Every structure is written in C-alpha cells, then in structure tokens.
C-alpha cells in the first residue's frame, strides 16, 4: 500500500493478478514478456501474489498462492526444463562459433559470497511511489505499455528459431513444437505420482525433450553456418551428436561417452580436468 499508489502501478498489479488467474505458475521472464513493469516493482509484486519454488520440477518458478502443483497432475505442463548448450571440438564447433551468446561472461564473474556486487541504478521508495512505469530517461522513447517488456523468445521455444542464450529455462507448456508436446503428454491420464526429478512426467522425459530440441538447434546452426560442419564425417549414419544437454545430467552422460582417467601426475580430479582443458 505504501509503494503502490500510482495508477500505473495499480494497473501492473491487476495485469499480474490476471496472469496468475489464467496460469497458476509463471517464470519471471515469462511475466516480464507479458506485462510491462519495472524490475524493481516486479520484485515487490511477485511475492505479494505468489510463492517461489526452490527445488523440484517447478524450481525457479512463481506459483500462485493456494495452488500446489505437486497435487495436480495437470500441472506437469508448467514444469521447468533446464536447457543448455555444450560446445567443444567434439561437437563440431567452439563456443565462439555459436551464434548464441552467453548470459554472462566468465571474465566478468564474481563469486556470490563476495562483498562487491554489480551496482545497479538506485531506486528509492519515492521512485516506487511515483510509478516506475512512467519514469526513466533511458526508456523515454518507448510507450509505457511496452517499455520494460521482454521479447517472447525469452521464454518460448519455437522450431526454426535459436534461443537468445546458451542456457534457457523453459516451462513445458512454452515448448511450441508439436513433437515436443507429444513427448510431454505421453502419460496423460495415467500419472501416478509426482517425483522430485520428473514431476508428473514419465522418467527421462526431460532427456527426450533435450534430445529433440538439440537436433532442431543443430540443424539451424548447420544451415546458417555450414562451414562449421564441413570437416565432420558421415560415419554416424544420420545420428547427430547432440549439442545441448542438461547440467544435471552432464556427469552421467560424460561417463557413458568415455571413462574418465586421472593423469598420473595428479590425484585431484578437478585439477587434472583443468590441466587437460588448458
């Protein structure tokens, strides 16, 4: 009540409330792509209308108060899919060859425990009261209705389009490809229990989705930059080596591909991996 006194703010609150009425689970990026609201204002509004999932199939998502996705099998369409790119010579291209940028550079990275944090634009309580949707010189050229709105591609996956970043968190309902939706809905009506890894979906559903999405992405990269794949052999007989995998499953897949053997000169596996990489 103290900071939401401006008509613009009240409108943003109503729009956000309607979003959660239509769909009980949202990611922050999906919200920012559907309504125009200042990020600092959104930090106040989201905890007012929803709670944040820390772990499980709906981790990092905002869930409407009073709704528990673990009790509703139909909530599987709102589960999150961690989708990442893995680059290397064995995949046919290096990180710099990818036409997709990383969210942040490793050269400009600090540990989360460090005291020095990136300084953002200071926002006072007075600014929040006045309505951030109508202020700010940087956004003066854009109308208030879309000043802070993100593009749809930030949360929706479509066939034929590259994701904006190398790591994306998609909700299953935002994978707008018919073949992917068939994988998600394979067990409709027969969901028995909600597990922490797969939620209401069949086991390995996430892996199957990543496999299909990886082939789609690699075909796009092949068509846009054919020179990257000019040296690859056809010995795989049509079976493409996948470029995108989940960070959760990387260890398992690496063990399947090749057994890790530490170098004779080191007992520390991490040290050995770094030395091998260098």
Protein backbone atom coordinates (compact mmCIF):
# COMPACT_ATOMS: atom_id res chain seq x y z
CA UNK A 1 0.00 0.00 0.00
CA UNK A 2 2.92 2.34 0.67
CA UNK A 3 4.59 1.95 -2.71
CA UNK A 4 1.66 1.08 -4.97
CA UNK A 5 -0.17 4.40 -5.09
CA UNK A 6 0.33 5.34 -8.73
CA UNK A 7 -2.34 4.36 -11.31
CA UNK A 8 0.37 2.76 -13.46
CA UNK A 9 1.39 0.55 -10.55
CA UNK A 10 -2.18 -0.46 -9.81
CA UNK A 11 -2.65 -1.39 -13.44
CA UNK A 12 0.50 -3.54 -13.36
CA UNK A 13 -0.77 -5.28 -10.23
CA UNK A 14 -4.11 -6.05 -11.86
CA UNK A 15 -2.41 -7.36 -15.00
CA UNK A 16 -0.17 -9.61 -12.92
CA UNK A 17 -3.15 -10.87 -10.94
CA UNK A 18 -4.92 -11.77 -14.20
CA UNK A 19 -1.85 -13.66 -15.43
CA UNK A 20 -1.91 -15.88 -12.36
CA UNK A 21 -5.65 -16.44 -12.77
CA UNK A 22 -5.10 -17.71 -16.31
CA UNK A 23 -2.00 -19.73 -15.45
CA UNK A 24 -1.02 -20.61 -11.86
CA UNK A 25 2.73 -21.00 -12.49
CA UNK A 26 4.99 -18.44 -14.20
CA UNK A 27 8.67 -17.79 -14.64
CA UNK A 28 9.90 -14.26 -14.05
CA UNK A 29 10.91 -13.87 -17.69
CA UNK A 30 7.50 -15.06 -18.88
CA UNK A 31 5.84 -12.44 -16.69
CA UNK A 32 8.17 -9.72 -17.99
CA UNK A 33 7.32 -10.74 -21.56
CA UNK A 34 3.58 -10.40 -20.96
CA UNK A 35 3.33 -7.19 -18.95
CA UNK A 36 5.41 -4.02 -18.85
CA UNK A 37 6.57 -3.42 -15.28
CA UNK A 38 9.82 -2.09 -13.86
CA UNK A 39 12.03 -4.92 -12.49
CA UNK A 40 12.16 -3.32 -9.06
CA UNK A 41 8.40 -3.02 -8.97
CA UNK A 42 8.09 -6.66 -10.01
CA UNK A 43 10.23 -7.65 -7.02
CA UNK A 44 7.50 -6.24 -4.79
CA UNK A 45 4.51 -7.56 -6.73
CA UNK A 46 5.55 -11.19 -7.27
CA UNK A 47 5.89 -12.12 -3.56
CA UNK A 48 2.55 -10.40 -2.99
CA UNK A 49 0.71 -12.77 -5.34
CA UNK A 50 2.83 -15.95 -5.49
CA UNK A 51 5.49 -18.04 -3.77
CA UNK A 52 8.83 -19.13 -5.18
CA UNK A 53 9.78 -22.79 -5.72
CA UNK A 54 13.40 -23.53 -4.76
CA UNK A 55 13.69 -27.18 -5.83
CA UNK A 56 11.89 -29.87 -7.76
CA UNK A 57 10.20 -29.87 -11.19
CA UNK A 58 8.94 -26.28 -10.70
CA UNK A 59 12.17 -24.81 -9.33
CA UNK A 60 12.85 -21.14 -10.00
CA UNK A 61 9.17 -20.56 -10.85
CA UNK A 62 6.49 -18.46 -9.15
CA UNK A 63 3.35 -20.32 -8.06
CA UNK A 64 0.05 -18.65 -7.22
CA UNK A 65 -0.83 -18.69 -3.53
CA UNK A 66 -3.18 -21.56 -2.72
CA UNK A 67 -2.02 -23.74 -5.63
CA UNK A 68 0.23 -26.76 -5.07
CA UNK A 69 1.43 -28.24 -8.40
CA UNK A 70 2.51 -31.42 -6.59
CA UNK A 71 -1.16 -32.25 -6.04
CA UNK A 72 -2.40 -31.58 -9.58
CA UNK A 73 -1.22 -33.88 -12.42
CA UNK A 74 -2.27 -31.26 -14.97
CA UNK A 75 0.47 -29.02 -13.52
CA UNK A 76 3.11 -31.03 -15.41
CA UNK A 77 2.80 -28.62 -18.34
CA UNK A 78 4.21 -25.89 -16.08
CA UNK A 79 7.34 -27.84 -15.10
CA UNK A 80 10.71 -26.33 -15.90
CA UNK A 81 13.24 -27.66 -18.41
CA UNK A 82 16.88 -26.67 -17.95
CA UNK A 83 18.23 -26.44 -21.49
CA UNK A 84 21.92 -25.71 -22.09
CA UNK A 85 24.41 -25.69 -24.90
CA UNK A 86 27.64 -27.64 -24.68
CA UNK A 87 30.36 -26.54 -27.06
CA UNK A 88 33.61 -28.19 -27.97
CA UNK A 89 35.56 -29.59 -30.85
CA UNK A 90 33.85 -32.97 -30.44
CA UNK A 91 30.54 -31.25 -31.21
CA UNK A 92 31.88 -29.63 -34.36
CA UNK A 93 32.13 -26.03 -33.14
CA UNK A 94 33.75 -23.98 -30.40
CA UNK A 95 31.90 -21.55 -28.08
CA UNK A 96 32.98 -18.56 -30.18
CA UNK A 97 31.47 -20.17 -33.28
CA UNK A 98 27.99 -20.33 -31.79
CA UNK A 99 25.55 -17.66 -32.98
CA UNK A 100 24.08 -17.66 -29.46
CA UNK A 101 25.54 -15.54 -26.69
CA UNK A 102 26.05 -16.48 -23.07
CA UNK A 103 24.06 -14.71 -20.38
CA UNK A 104 27.25 -13.52 -18.71
CA UNK A 105 30.94 -13.62 -19.46
CA UNK A 106 33.30 -15.75 -17.42
CA UNK A 107 35.74 -12.83 -17.50
CA UNK A 108 33.27 -10.63 -15.61
CA UNK A 109 32.23 -13.04 -12.91
CA UNK A 110 32.50 -12.85 -9.14
CA UNK A 111 31.58 -15.41 -6.53
CA UNK A 112 28.19 -14.91 -4.88
CA UNK A 113 29.90 -14.67 -1.48
CA UNK A 114 31.95 -11.62 -2.44
CA UNK A 115 31.06 -8.30 -0.89
CA UNK A 116 31.43 -6.26 -4.07
CA UNK A 117 28.29 -6.62 -6.15
CA UNK A 118 27.45 -5.09 -9.54
CA UNK A 119 25.94 -1.68 -8.89
CA UNK A 120 22.53 -1.19 -10.44
CA UNK A 121 20.55 2.01 -10.80
CA UNK A 122 19.48 3.16 -7.36
CA UNK A 123 15.75 3.13 -6.85
CA UNK A 124 14.29 4.95 -3.88
CA UNK A 125 10.96 4.40 -2.18
CA UNK A 126 9.92 7.74 -3.64
CA UNK A 127 10.52 6.40 -7.15
CA UNK A 128 8.43 3.33 -6.40
CA UNK A 129 5.60 5.50 -5.11
CA UNK A 130 5.69 7.70 -8.20
CA UNK A 131 5.37 4.74 -10.52
CA UNK A 132 8.45 3.43 -12.26
CA UNK A 133 6.47 2.63 -15.36
CA UNK A 134 6.35 6.31 -16.33
CA UNK A 135 9.83 7.45 -15.34
CA UNK A 136 13.37 6.90 -16.57
CA UNK A 137 15.19 8.80 -19.26
CA UNK A 138 16.52 5.64 -20.88
CA UNK A 139 13.03 4.49 -21.79
CA UNK A 140 11.60 7.87 -22.69
CA UNK A 141 11.22 6.95 -26.36
CA UNK A 142 9.16 3.82 -25.67
CA UNK A 143 5.49 3.91 -24.65
CA UNK A 144 4.73 2.95 -21.08
CA UNK A 145 2.80 -0.10 -22.29
CA UNK A 146 5.94 -1.83 -23.61
CA UNK A 147 8.90 -0.02 -22.08
CA UNK A 148 10.03 -2.92 -19.89
CA UNK A 149 8.50 -5.75 -21.89
CA UNK A 150 10.78 -8.58 -23.00
CA UNK A 151 10.57 -10.44 -26.29
CA UNK A 152 8.53 -13.63 -26.48
CA UNK A 153 11.64 -15.66 -27.35
CA UNK A 154 12.93 -15.17 -23.79
CA UNK A 155 10.55 -17.87 -22.58
CA UNK A 156 9.00 -19.57 -25.65
CA UNK A 157 10.78 -22.18 -27.78
CA UNK A 158 9.75 -22.40 -31.42
CA UNK A 159 11.00 -24.66 -34.18
CA UNK A 160 13.33 -22.88 -36.58
CA UNK A 161 14.41 -20.20 -34.10
CA UNK A 162 17.55 -20.11 -31.98
CA UNK A 163 17.18 -19.40 -28.25
CA UNK A 164 18.54 -15.99 -27.17
CA UNK A 165 21.00 -17.50 -24.66
CA UNK A 166 23.07 -20.68 -24.29
CA UNK A 167 21.22 -21.61 -21.12
CA UNK A 168 17.45 -21.35 -21.02
CA UNK A 169 14.77 -22.33 -18.52
CA UNK A 170 11.60 -23.24 -20.39
CA UNK A 171 8.26 -24.27 -18.97
CA UNK A 172 6.97 -27.32 -20.80
CA UNK A 173 3.84 -25.52 -21.98
CA UNK A 174 6.06 -22.95 -23.70
CA UNK A 175 7.72 -25.50 -25.97
CA UNK A 176 5.65 -24.66 -29.04
CA UNK A 177 6.53 -27.68 -31.15
CA UNK A 178 4.02 -30.46 -31.75
CA UNK A 179 6.56 -33.28 -31.47
CA UNK A 180 7.76 -31.97 -28.12
CA UNK A 181 4.23 -31.71 -26.77
CA UNK A 182 3.63 -35.34 -27.74
CA UNK A 183 6.58 -36.34 -25.57
CA UNK A 184 5.22 -34.31 -22.64
CA UNK A 185 1.69 -35.72 -22.87
CA UNK A 186 2.63 -39.39 -23.33
CA UNK A 187 1.20 -40.36 -19.93
CA UNK A 188 -1.89 -38.14 -19.84
CA UNK A 189 -4.50 -39.62 -17.53
CA UNK A 190 -2.14 -42.23 -16.10
CA UNK A 191 0.03 -40.05 -13.85
CA UNK A 192 0.59 -41.98 -10.62
CA UNK A 193 2.96 -39.89 -8.50
CA UNK A 194 4.91 -36.66 -8.55
CA UNK A 195 8.66 -37.24 -8.27
CA UNK A 196 11.27 -34.62 -7.48
CA UNK A 197 13.18 -35.27 -10.70
CA UNK A 198 10.48 -35.85 -13.31
CA UNK A 199 7.40 -34.39 -11.63
CA UNK A 200 4.24 -35.77 -13.22
CA UNK A 201 6.03 -36.76 -16.45
CA UNK A 202 7.42 -40.16 -17.38
CA UNK A 203 11.04 -40.83 -16.37
CA UNK A 204 13.61 -39.43 -18.81
CA UNK A 205 11.06 -37.07 -20.37
CA UNK A 206 13.45 -34.15 -19.92
CA UNK A 207 16.23 -36.10 -21.64
CA UNK A 208 13.97 -36.93 -24.59
CA UNK A 209 12.94 -33.28 -24.90
CA UNK A 210 16.56 -32.11 -24.86
CA UNK A 211 17.50 -34.69 -27.50
CA UNK A 212 14.77 -33.50 -29.87
CA UNK A 213 15.46 -29.82 -29.22
CA UNK A 214 19.19 -30.38 -29.69
CA UNK A 215 18.68 -31.83 -33.16
CA UNK A 216 16.47 -28.88 -34.11
CA UNK A 217 19.07 -26.40 -32.92
CA UNK A 218 21.95 -28.17 -34.63
CA UNK A 219 20.05 -28.19 -37.92
CA UNK A 220 19.59 -24.43 -37.63
CA UNK A 221 23.29 -23.92 -36.91
CA UNK A 222 24.22 -26.21 -39.80
CA UNK A 223 22.04 -24.23 -42.19
CA UNK A 224 23.28 -20.82 -41.03
CA UNK A 225 26.95 -21.73 -40.69
CA UNK A 226 27.66 -24.78 -42.88
CA UNK A 227 31.42 -24.13 -42.76
CA UNK A 228 31.49 -25.25 -39.11
CA UNK A 229 30.42 -28.76 -40.11
CA UNK A 230 32.39 -29.08 -43.35
CA UNK A 231 35.01 -31.30 -41.69
CA UNK A 232 32.60 -33.61 -39.92
CA UNK A 233 32.32 -37.19 -41.12
CA UNK A 234 29.19 -39.07 -42.03
CA UNK A 235 30.13 -42.18 -40.08
CA UNK A 236 27.26 -41.62 -37.65
CA UNK A 237 24.75 -42.75 -40.30
CA UNK A 238 22.34 -39.94 -39.67
CA UNK A 239 22.61 -39.95 -35.91
CA UNK A 240 23.58 -36.41 -34.94
CA UNK A 241 25.76 -35.89 -31.92
CA UNK A 242 23.78 -33.71 -29.56
CA UNK A 243 24.94 -30.22 -28.70
CA UNK A 244 22.56 -29.36 -25.89
CA UNK A 245 22.27 -31.23 -22.63
CA UNK A 246 21.17 -30.56 -19.09
CA UNK A 247 23.65 -29.54 -16.47
CA UNK A 248 22.06 -32.12 -14.16
CA UNK A 249 22.85 -34.99 -16.48
CA UNK A 250 26.24 -33.92 -17.79
CA UNK A 251 28.15 -36.15 -15.38
CA UNK A 252 26.13 -39.23 -16.28
CA UNK A 253 26.44 -38.64 -20.00
CA UNK A 254 30.16 -37.99 -19.79
CA UNK A 255 30.60 -41.33 -18.05
CA UNK A 256 28.68 -43.06 -20.84
CA UNK A 257 30.75 -41.43 -23.55
CA UNK A 258 34.16 -42.10 -22.09
CA UNK A 259 35.56 -43.23 -18.79
CA UNK A 260 37.48 -40.51 -17.01
CA UNK A 261 41.06 -41.45 -16.14
CA UNK A 262 43.07 -39.02 -13.98
CA UNK A 263 46.55 -38.17 -15.13
CA UNK A 264 49.38 -39.92 -13.37
CA UNK A 265 50.79 -36.67 -12.06
CA UNK A 266 47.74 -35.57 -10.05
CA UNK A 267 45.36 -37.08 -7.55
CA UNK A 268 42.96 -34.15 -7.77
CA UNK A 269 40.37 -34.81 -10.49
CA UNK A 270 39.34 -31.18 -10.81
CA UNK A 271 42.96 -30.09 -11.15
CA UNK A 272 43.51 -32.77 -13.74
CA UNK A 273 40.45 -31.72 -15.75
CA UNK A 274 41.59 -28.09 -15.74
CA UNK A 275 45.10 -29.08 -16.86
CA UNK A 276 43.69 -31.29 -19.60
CA UNK A 277 41.43 -28.47 -20.76
CA UNK A 278 44.33 -25.96 -20.85
